[in-house]
Amino acid sequence: MNVPPRNPKARWCESCRHGEFTGLPVSGCVTGDWGLASPASIRVARFIVRRRWMPRISEEMTMHKTEIFRPAIDLIGGDVLLRGNAASEGASRWHVVRDLEQAEALAWQADDSVDVVWNDLREQQTANIVFEGEGEVWDYWETSLSPRFDAYLSERGWSGLCDDVVGDLYYICCNKHSDSGHRLWDEMLEVYRAGGWPCGWGGGEYPDGRLAAFLPTPRE
């Protein structure tokens, strides 16, 4: 990552284009060829760059990654996730399931009893969800956000659905961020916003048919 020079008198290193701070014992790049620079000069310059820029860069990157997951964060911020909904605008488009065991069967069965194997369909729909910095985004999700969703669901009695829900929310947000255009993830987000859980696909091979949605009894 190129760090813009903070000092207006700073120059750019011609070899690697990293910022170069003037006023040090020598002119040189903190990552490039220091020429006659002494080890002490190198340590001083590196310290200055880290101290001045890294906290700011880290904060900006964290804010950016947080915004990628804003649709998911809003679900727990508004206490909507798996809250339940007696009626929803999207319910007419979905095959609504009210029984959890039936919903789990639709979601996890992988035999001829279901029109479409739900796990397989979701895996297929992750194709082309690719964007710059995906590895860092995944690490941020796993270390900073995923534990929050696990705790939220467990506290409300939904620990058995944690893996499915957390995985769904990751790809829902990444699909929106990357503009991949997979409408399945957008429709799944609508189910989550309605307080439900997308649990399968029926009525035909995707994209024919419709989404199955578990809508639990609304909690007080």
Protein backbone atom coordinates (compact mmCIF):
# COMPACT_ATOMS: atom_id res chain seq x y z
CA MET A 1 0.00 0.00 0.00
CA ASN A 2 1.41 3.40 -0.94
CA VAL A 3 1.33 5.80 1.97
CA PRO A 4 0.97 9.44 0.91
CA PRO A 5 3.60 11.68 2.46
CA ARG A 6 2.28 13.57 5.42
CA ASN A 7 4.98 16.24 5.25
CA PRO A 8 4.26 18.66 2.37
CA LYS A 9 7.99 18.81 1.76
CA ALA A 10 8.23 15.04 1.52
CA ARG A 11 9.33 13.40 -1.70
CA TRP A 12 8.67 10.05 -3.33
CA CYS A 13 11.28 7.35 -3.60
CA GLU A 14 11.89 6.76 -7.30
CA SER A 15 12.49 3.05 -6.79
CA CYS A 16 9.38 1.96 -4.93
CA ARG A 17 7.18 5.08 -4.63
CA HIS A 18 6.77 4.84 -0.87
CA GLY A 19 6.64 8.06 1.09
CA GLU A 20 9.95 9.62 2.06
CA PHE A 21 10.24 12.01 4.98
CA THR A 22 12.79 14.81 4.73
CA GLY A 23 14.63 16.22 7.67
CA LEU A 24 16.19 12.86 8.50
CA PRO A 25 19.96 12.34 8.42
CA VAL A 26 19.70 11.00 4.87
CA SER A 27 17.25 10.92 2.02
CA GLY A 28 15.94 7.45 1.39
CA CYS A 29 12.89 5.24 1.35
CA VAL A 30 11.71 3.39 4.43
CA THR A 31 11.30 0.24 2.36
CA GLY A 32 13.73 0.74 -0.51
CA ASP A 33 17.45 1.32 -0.99
CA TRP A 34 18.87 3.45 1.78
CA GLY A 35 22.27 4.00 0.19
CA LEU A 36 24.49 5.54 2.85
CA ALA A 37 21.83 5.54 5.55
CA SER A 38 22.91 4.37 8.94
CA PRO A 39 20.93 1.62 10.76
CA ALA A 40 19.87 4.23 13.31
CA SER A 41 18.47 6.49 10.58
CA ILE A 42 16.51 3.60 9.11
CA ARG A 43 14.99 2.73 12.50
CA VAL A 44 14.02 6.36 13.14
CA ALA A 45 12.33 6.76 9.77
CA ARG A 46 10.45 3.49 10.03
CA PHE A 47 9.26 4.44 13.49
CA ILE A 48 7.99 7.81 12.22
CA VAL A 49 6.06 6.23 9.36
CA ARG A 50 4.50 3.58 11.58
CA ARG A 51 3.58 6.02 14.30
CA ARG A 52 2.12 8.67 12.00
CA TRP A 53 0.33 6.50 9.49
CA MET A 54 -0.43 2.97 10.63
CA PRO A 55 -3.08 3.83 13.26
CA ARG A 56 -4.85 6.02 10.73
CA ILE A 57 -4.64 3.39 7.99
CA SER A 58 -5.80 0.66 10.37
CA GLU A 59 -8.78 2.75 11.48
CA GLU A 60 -9.82 3.56 7.91
CA MET A 61 -9.53 -0.07 6.82
CA THR A 62 -11.59 -1.22 9.82
CA MET A 63 -14.30 1.33 9.04
CA HIS A 64 -14.36 0.18 5.42
CA LYS A 65 -14.69 -3.48 6.39
CA THR A 66 -17.38 -2.65 8.92
CA GLU A 67 -19.43 -0.94 6.21
CA ILE A 68 -19.19 -4.03 4.01
CA PHE A 69 -21.05 -5.92 6.74
CA ARG A 70 -23.50 -3.14 7.58
CA PRO A 71 -26.56 -5.13 6.35
CA ALA A 72 -25.71 -7.93 8.79
CA ILE A 73 -24.74 -5.64 11.66
CA ASP A 74 -28.06 -3.82 11.37
CA LEU A 75 -29.90 -7.10 11.93
CA ILE A 76 -28.52 -7.50 15.43
CA GLY A 77 -28.39 -3.76 16.10
CA GLY A 78 -32.14 -3.62 15.54
CA ASP A 79 -32.73 -6.96 17.30
CA VAL A 80 -34.30 -8.31 14.12
CA LEU A 81 -32.27 -11.48 13.49
CA LEU A 82 -34.58 -14.50 13.92
CA ARG A 83 -36.99 -12.37 15.90
CA GLY A 84 -39.94 -13.82 14.05
CA ASN A 85 -42.67 -12.14 12.08
CA ALA A 86 -46.38 -12.89 11.96
CA ALA A 87 -46.62 -11.38 8.48
CA SER A 88 -44.15 -10.06 5.96
CA GLU A 89 -44.36 -8.30 2.63
CA GLY A 90 -42.21 -11.02 1.10
CA ALA A 91 -44.10 -13.94 2.61
CA SER A 92 -46.28 -14.33 -0.47
CA ARG A 93 -43.13 -15.00 -2.54
CA TRP A 94 -41.77 -17.58 -0.12
CA HIS A 95 -42.75 -21.03 1.00
CA VAL A 96 -43.26 -20.14 4.68
CA VAL A 97 -42.37 -22.75 7.29
CA ARG A 98 -43.37 -22.29 10.91
CA ASP A 99 -41.97 -25.53 12.36
CA LEU A 100 -38.23 -25.54 13.13
CA GLU A 101 -37.75 -29.29 12.59
CA GLN A 102 -39.33 -29.05 9.17
CA ALA A 103 -37.13 -26.07 8.34
CA GLU A 104 -34.00 -27.93 9.44
CA ALA A 105 -35.00 -30.91 7.29
CA LEU A 106 -35.35 -28.67 4.24
CA ALA A 107 -32.02 -27.01 4.93
CA TRP A 108 -29.90 -30.03 5.71
CA GLN A 109 -31.32 -32.96 3.76
CA ALA A 110 -29.32 -34.01 0.72
CA ASP A 111 -31.50 -36.67 -0.89
CA ASP A 112 -34.44 -37.01 -3.26
CA SER A 113 -36.87 -35.74 -0.63
CA VAL A 114 -35.97 -32.16 -1.58
CA ASP A 115 -36.15 -30.50 -4.99
CA VAL A 116 -32.84 -28.72 -4.52
CA VAL A 117 -30.06 -29.50 -2.03
CA TRP A 118 -29.85 -26.20 -0.17
CA ASN A 119 -26.17 -26.41 0.71
CA ASP A 120 -25.27 -27.15 -2.92
CA LEU A 121 -27.32 -24.23 -4.22
CA ARG A 122 -25.75 -21.76 -1.83
CA GLU A 123 -22.27 -23.00 -2.71
CA GLN A 124 -22.99 -22.53 -6.41
CA GLN A 125 -24.16 -18.99 -5.75
CA THR A 126 -20.85 -18.00 -4.19
CA ALA A 127 -19.29 -18.06 -7.67
CA ASN A 128 -17.95 -14.71 -8.85
CA ILE A 129 -18.15 -13.17 -5.37
CA VAL A 130 -14.62 -11.88 -5.71
CA PHE A 131 -13.21 -8.50 -4.75
CA GLU A 132 -9.94 -6.88 -3.78
CA GLY A 133 -8.88 -7.56 -0.20
CA GLU A 134 -11.21 -10.51 0.23
CA GLY A 135 -8.75 -12.33 2.51
CA GLU A 136 -8.52 -9.40 4.91
CA VAL A 137 -12.29 -8.99 4.88
CA TRP A 138 -12.73 -12.66 5.75
CA ASP A 139 -10.24 -12.39 8.61
CA TYR A 140 -12.06 -9.34 9.97
CA TRP A 141 -15.40 -11.17 9.80
CA GLU A 142 -14.05 -14.26 11.54
CA THR A 143 -12.23 -12.44 14.34
CA SER A 144 -14.38 -9.37 14.97
CA LEU A 145 -17.95 -10.04 13.85
CA SER A 146 -18.64 -13.77 13.69
CA PRO A 147 -18.26 -14.19 17.49
CA ARG A 148 -20.82 -11.42 18.03
CA PHE A 149 -23.38 -13.19 15.86
CA ASP A 150 -22.67 -16.52 17.54
CA ALA A 151 -23.26 -14.95 20.96
CA TYR A 152 -26.41 -13.16 19.82
CA LEU A 153 -27.97 -16.33 18.41
CA SER A 154 -26.94 -18.52 21.34
CA GLU A 155 -28.40 -16.10 23.88
CA ARG A 156 -31.75 -16.31 22.08
CA GLY A 157 -31.85 -20.08 21.78
CA TRP A 158 -30.70 -20.42 18.16
CA SER A 159 -27.25 -21.95 18.71
CA GLY A 160 -28.10 -24.85 16.39
CA LEU A 161 -28.44 -22.44 13.47
CA CYS A 162 -25.25 -20.45 14.08
CA ASP A 163 -23.14 -22.01 11.34
CA ASP A 164 -25.82 -21.58 8.68
CA VAL A 165 -26.84 -18.07 9.65
CA VAL A 166 -23.30 -16.71 10.08
CA GLY A 167 -22.21 -18.23 6.76
CA ASP A 168 -25.26 -16.81 4.99
CA LEU A 169 -24.71 -13.31 6.34
CA TYR A 170 -21.07 -13.29 5.25
CA TYR A 171 -21.94 -14.10 1.64
CA ILE A 172 -25.01 -11.86 1.61
CA CYS A 173 -22.81 -8.88 2.49
CA CYS A 174 -19.99 -9.85 0.14
CA ASN A 175 -22.45 -10.32 -2.71
CA LYS A 176 -23.73 -6.77 -2.24
CA HIS A 177 -20.24 -5.36 -1.86
CA SER A 178 -18.90 -7.05 -4.99
CA ASP A 179 -22.00 -6.35 -7.12
CA SER A 180 -21.99 -10.00 -8.12
CA GLY A 181 -25.68 -9.88 -8.94
CA HIS A 182 -26.73 -13.18 -7.37
CA ARG A 183 -30.37 -12.46 -6.59
CA LEU A 184 -30.63 -15.44 -4.25
CA TRP A 185 -28.47 -13.70 -1.65
CA ASP A 186 -30.52 -10.50 -1.96
CA GLU A 187 -33.74 -12.43 -1.39
CA MET A 188 -32.20 -14.27 1.55
CA LEU A 189 -31.38 -10.88 3.10
CA GLU A 190 -35.06 -9.96 2.84
CA VAL A 191 -35.94 -13.11 4.78
CA TYR A 192 -33.45 -12.23 7.49
CA ARG A 193 -34.80 -8.68 7.65
CA ALA A 194 -38.26 -10.19 8.14
CA GLY A 195 -37.00 -12.02 11.22
CA GLY A 196 -36.73 -15.37 9.49
CA TRP A 197 -34.22 -17.94 8.27
CA PRO A 198 -33.84 -18.95 4.58
CA CYS A 199 -33.94 -22.73 4.75
CA GLY A 200 -34.32 -24.17 1.27
CA TRP A 201 -35.55 -23.97 -2.27
CA GLY A 202 -38.58 -25.78 -3.66
CA GLY A 203 -41.04 -25.94 -6.52
CA GLY A 204 -38.42 -26.50 -9.20
CA GLU A 205 -34.77 -26.17 -10.08
CA TYR A 206 -33.33 -22.74 -9.31
CA PRO A 207 -34.17 -20.13 -10.51
CA ASP A 208 -37.62 -21.67 -11.01
CA GLY A 209 -39.52 -22.29 -7.83
CA ARG A 210 -39.26 -20.20 -4.70
CA LEU A 211 -37.35 -19.72 -1.51
CA ALA A 212 -38.36 -21.55 1.67
CA ALA A 213 -38.33 -19.32 4.74
CA PHE A 214 -38.64 -20.31 8.37
CA LEU A 215 -40.55 -17.57 10.17
CA PRO A 216 -40.62 -18.33 13.89
CA THR A 217 -43.34 -17.15 16.21
CA PRO A 218 -42.55 -13.51 17.03
CA ARG A 219 -40.86 -13.15 20.39
CA GLU A 220 -41.93 -10.48 22.82
